[in-house]
């Protein structure tokens, strides 16, 4: 997603800048792309900062852990993606089950209160 930041920034900047005319759209698009490039490179800065802090503290275990995280195989990345997908599906199924239960309870209470109001008024038809 980070690789799309310059494109998104340029598009949003040009879209907003188009309200001011073509010249403003060009300047706003270029500045949006620049901001997107800065945001895209923010991840590299965080990696370098953590490496430098681990070196300065003499944290060998931190350096090894960071190296292992960078050298994960394709299989490990796929397994993590599957876990994320299963978690998302679990949340979806939970909502699929809970939302109708909550909505039917709401409708039941609403119908019950409406019938009790009609019963008090005497408008309920008797058989």
C-alpha atoms as a PDB file:
ATOM      1  CA  UNK A   1       0.000   0.000   0.000  1.00  0.00           C
ATOM      2  CA  UNK A   2       2.875   2.340   0.744  1.00  0.00           C
ATOM      3  CA  UNK A   3       4.034   2.127  -2.857  1.00  0.00           C
ATOM      4  CA  UNK A   4       0.812   3.843  -3.934  1.00  0.00           C
ATOM      5  CA  UNK A   5       1.261   6.877  -1.659  1.00  0.00           C
ATOM      6  CA  UNK A   6       2.945   9.103  -4.303  1.00  0.00           C
ATOM      7  CA  UNK A   7       0.246   8.285  -6.858  1.00  0.00           C
ATOM      8  CA  UNK A   8      -2.568   8.849  -4.374  1.00  0.00           C
ATOM      9  CA  UNK A   9      -0.962  12.081  -3.165  1.00  0.00           C
ATOM     10  CA  UNK A  10      -0.528  13.367  -6.696  1.00  0.00           C
ATOM     11  CA  UNK A  11      -4.107  12.500  -7.641  1.00  0.00           C
ATOM     12  CA  UNK A  12      -5.608  14.080  -4.537  1.00  0.00           C
ATOM     13  CA  UNK A  13      -3.418  17.163  -4.856  1.00  0.00           C
ATOM     14  CA  UNK A  14      -4.320  17.645  -8.512  1.00  0.00           C
ATOM     15  CA  UNK A  15      -7.999  17.045  -7.805  1.00  0.00           C
ATOM     16  CA  UNK A  16      -8.127  19.672  -5.092  1.00  0.00           C
ATOM     17  CA  UNK A  17      -5.876  22.005  -7.074  1.00  0.00           C
ATOM     18  CA  UNK A  18      -8.175  21.786 -10.098  1.00  0.00           C
ATOM     19  CA  UNK A  19     -10.588  24.020  -8.225  1.00  0.00           C
ATOM     20  CA  UNK A  20      -8.049  26.818  -8.634  1.00  0.00           C
ATOM     21  CA  UNK A  21      -7.306  26.225 -12.305  1.00  0.00           C
ATOM     22  CA  UNK A  22      -4.763  24.312 -14.364  1.00  0.00           C
ATOM     23  CA  UNK A  23      -1.664  26.016 -12.931  1.00  0.00           C
ATOM     24  CA  UNK A  24      -2.728  25.398  -9.358  1.00  0.00           C
ATOM     25  CA  UNK A  25      -3.601  21.791 -10.227  1.00  0.00           C
ATOM     26  CA  UNK A  26      -0.088  21.152 -11.537  1.00  0.00           C
ATOM     27  CA  UNK A  27       1.553  22.647  -8.440  1.00  0.00           C
ATOM     28  CA  UNK A  28      -0.826  20.860  -6.066  1.00  0.00           C
ATOM     29  CA  UNK A  29      -0.352  17.531  -7.876  1.00  0.00           C
ATOM     30  CA  UNK A  30       3.424  17.815  -7.709  1.00  0.00           C
ATOM     31  CA  UNK A  31       3.342  18.730  -4.024  1.00  0.00           C
ATOM     32  CA  UNK A  32       0.939  15.849  -3.312  1.00  0.00           C
ATOM     33  CA  UNK A  33       3.285  13.425  -5.052  1.00  0.00           C
ATOM     34  CA  UNK A  34       6.196  14.806  -3.025  1.00  0.00           C
ATOM     35  CA  UNK A  35       4.317  14.313   0.234  1.00  0.00           C
ATOM     36  CA  UNK A  36       3.416  10.784  -0.889  1.00  0.00           C
ATOM     37  CA  UNK A  37       7.080  10.028  -1.582  1.00  0.00           C
ATOM     38  CA  UNK A  38       8.021  11.256   1.878  1.00  0.00           C
ATOM     39  CA  UNK A  39       5.357   9.068   3.471  1.00  0.00           C
ATOM     40  CA  UNK A  40       6.474   6.099   1.373  1.00  0.00           C
ATOM     41  CA  UNK A  41      10.054   6.446   2.594  1.00  0.00           C
ATOM     42  CA  UNK A  42       8.979   6.745   6.236  1.00  0.00           C
ATOM     43  CA  UNK A  43       9.177   2.960   6.684  1.00  0.00           C
ATOM     44  CA  UNK A  44      12.854   2.930   5.652  1.00  0.00           C
ATOM     45  CA  UNK A  45      13.635   5.654   8.171  1.00  0.00           C
ATOM     46  CA  UNK A  46      12.019   3.616  10.966  1.00  0.00           C
ATOM     47  CA  UNK A  47      14.072   0.519  10.020  1.00  0.00           C
ATOM     48  CA  UNK A  48      17.300   2.505  10.002  1.00  0.00           C
ATOM     49  CA  UNK A  49      16.450   4.160  13.323  1.00  0.00           C
ATOM     50  CA  UNK A  50      15.769   0.823  15.014  1.00  0.00           C
ATOM     51  CA  UNK A  51      19.022  -0.631  13.627  1.00  0.00           C
ATOM     52  CA  UNK A  52      21.085   2.320  14.827  1.00  0.00           C
ATOM     53  CA  UNK A  53      19.510   2.241  18.277  1.00  0.00           C
ATOM     54  CA  UNK A  54      20.147  -1.526  18.559  1.00  0.00           C
ATOM     55  CA  UNK A  55      23.793  -1.044  17.537  1.00  0.00           C
ATOM     56  CA  UNK A  56      24.303   1.833  19.974  1.00  0.00           C
ATOM     57  CA  UNK A  57      22.829  -0.164  22.873  1.00  0.00           C
ATOM     58  CA  UNK A  58      24.802  -3.282  21.979  1.00  0.00           C
ATOM     59  CA  UNK A  59      21.559  -5.234  21.592  1.00  0.00           C
ATOM     60  CA  UNK A  60      22.706  -8.289  19.659  1.00  0.00           C
ATOM     61  CA  UNK A  61      19.412 -10.127  20.135  1.00  0.00           C
ATOM     62  CA  UNK A  62      17.524  -7.127  18.715  1.00  0.00           C
ATOM     63  CA  UNK A  63      19.752  -7.097  15.624  1.00  0.00           C
ATOM     64  CA  UNK A  64      19.231 -10.831  15.076  1.00  0.00           C
ATOM     65  CA  UNK A  65      15.457 -10.478  15.476  1.00  0.00           C
ATOM     66  CA  UNK A  66      15.365  -7.570  13.057  1.00  0.00           C
ATOM     67  CA  UNK A  67      17.420  -9.528  10.529  1.00  0.00           C
ATOM     68  CA  UNK A  68      15.093 -12.506  10.801  1.00  0.00           C
ATOM     69  CA  UNK A  69      12.034 -10.328  10.247  1.00  0.00           C
ATOM     70  CA  UNK A  70      13.529  -8.890   7.077  1.00  0.00           C
ATOM     71  CA  UNK A  71      14.464 -12.327   5.678  1.00  0.00           C
ATOM     72  CA  UNK A  72      11.119 -14.073   5.957  1.00  0.00           C
ATOM     73  CA  UNK A  73      10.336 -16.542   3.211  1.00  0.00           C
ATOM     74  CA  UNK A  74       7.397 -16.407   0.859  1.00  0.00           C
ATOM     75  CA  UNK A  75       5.823 -19.339   2.699  1.00  0.00           C
ATOM     76  CA  UNK A  76       5.948 -17.439   6.027  1.00  0.00           C
ATOM     77  CA  UNK A  77       4.333 -14.413   4.420  1.00  0.00           C
ATOM     78  CA  UNK A  78       1.578 -16.583   2.892  1.00  0.00           C
ATOM     79  CA  UNK A  79       0.901 -18.264   6.263  1.00  0.00           C
ATOM     80  CA  UNK A  80       0.614 -14.852   7.947  1.00  0.00           C
ATOM     81  CA  UNK A  81      -1.787 -13.768   5.200  1.00  0.00           C
ATOM     82  CA  UNK A  82      -3.897 -16.875   5.768  1.00  0.00           C
ATOM     83  CA  UNK A  83      -4.033 -16.172   9.505  1.00  0.00           C
ATOM     84  CA  UNK A  84      -5.172 -12.613   8.801  1.00  0.00           C
ATOM     85  CA  UNK A  85      -7.812 -13.890   6.376  1.00  0.00           C
ATOM     86  CA  UNK A  86      -9.095 -16.426   8.929  1.00  0.00           C
ATOM     87  CA  UNK A  87      -9.314 -13.713  11.572  1.00  0.00           C
ATOM     88  CA  UNK A  88     -11.237 -11.467   9.188  1.00  0.00           C
ATOM     89  CA  UNK A  89     -13.587 -14.341   8.283  1.00  0.00           C
ATOM     90  CA  UNK A  90     -14.152 -15.076  11.971  1.00  0.00           C
ATOM     91  CA  UNK A  91     -15.140 -11.479  12.627  1.00  0.00           C
ATOM     92  CA  UNK A  92     -17.432 -11.578   9.590  1.00  0.00           C
ATOM     93  CA  UNK A  93     -19.153 -14.767  10.761  1.00  0.00           C
ATOM     94  CA  UNK A  94     -19.558 -13.315  14.247  1.00  0.00           C
ATOM     95  CA  UNK A  95     -21.245 -10.246  12.815  1.00  0.00           C
ATOM     96  CA  UNK A  96     -23.327 -12.439  10.466  1.00  0.00           C
ATOM     97  CA  UNK A  97     -24.686 -14.256  13.520  1.00  0.00           C
ATOM     98  CA  UNK A  98     -24.973 -11.400  16.024  1.00  0.00           C
ATOM     99  CA  UNK A  99     -26.520  -8.663  13.883  1.00  0.00           C
ATOM    100  CA  UNK A 100     -29.737 -10.597  13.042  1.00  0.00           C
ATOM    101  CA  UNK A 101     -30.121 -11.643  16.684  1.00  0.00           C
ATOM    102  CA  UNK A 102     -29.806  -8.071  17.915  1.00  0.00           C
ATOM    103  CA  UNK A 103     -32.090  -6.741  15.172  1.00  0.00           C
ATOM    104  CA  UNK A 104     -34.793  -9.338  15.850  1.00  0.00           C
ATOM    105  CA  UNK A 105     -34.689  -8.526  19.574  1.00  0.00           C
ATOM    106  CA  UNK A 106     -35.141  -4.853  18.692  1.00  0.00           C
ATOM    107  CA  UNK A 107     -38.111  -5.632  16.435  1.00  0.00           C
ATOM    108  CA  UNK A 108     -39.646  -7.886  19.093  1.00  0.00           C
ATOM    109  CA  UNK A 109     -39.459  -5.140  21.724  1.00  0.00           C
ATOM    110  CA  UNK A 110     -40.839  -2.591  19.267  1.00  0.00           C
ATOM    111  CA  UNK A 111     -43.779  -4.846  18.317  1.00  0.00           C
ATOM    112  CA  UNK A 112     -44.459  -5.729  21.942  1.00  0.00           C
ATOM    113  CA  UNK A 113     -44.570  -2.067  22.974  1.00  0.00           C
ATOM    114  CA  UNK A 114     -46.822  -1.209  20.015  1.00  0.00           C
ATOM    115  CA  UNK A 115     -49.262  -4.022  20.897  1.00  0.00           C
ATOM    116  CA  UNK A 116     -49.338  -3.085  24.548  1.00  0.00           C
ATOM    117  CA  UNK A 117     -50.125   0.536  23.601  1.00  0.00           C
ATOM    118  CA  UNK A 118     -52.980  -0.612  21.377  1.00  0.00           C
ATOM    119  CA  UNK A 119     -54.257  -2.874  24.126  1.00  0.00           C
ATOM    120  CA  UNK A 120     -54.343   0.045  26.570  1.00  0.00           C
ATOM    121  CA  UNK A 121     -56.294   2.145  24.093  1.00  0.00           C
ATOM    122  CA  UNK A 122     -58.677  -0.699  23.428  1.00  0.00           C
ATOM    123  CA  UNK A 123     -57.997  -0.664  19.713  1.00  0.00           C
ATOM    124  CA  UNK A 124     -56.946  -4.290  19.622  1.00  0.00           C
ATOM    125  CA  UNK A 125     -59.453  -6.464  17.830  1.00  0.00           C
ATOM    126  CA  UNK A 126     -60.926  -9.201  19.983  1.00  0.00           C
ATOM    127  CA  UNK A 127     -61.839 -12.541  18.570  1.00  0.00           C
END
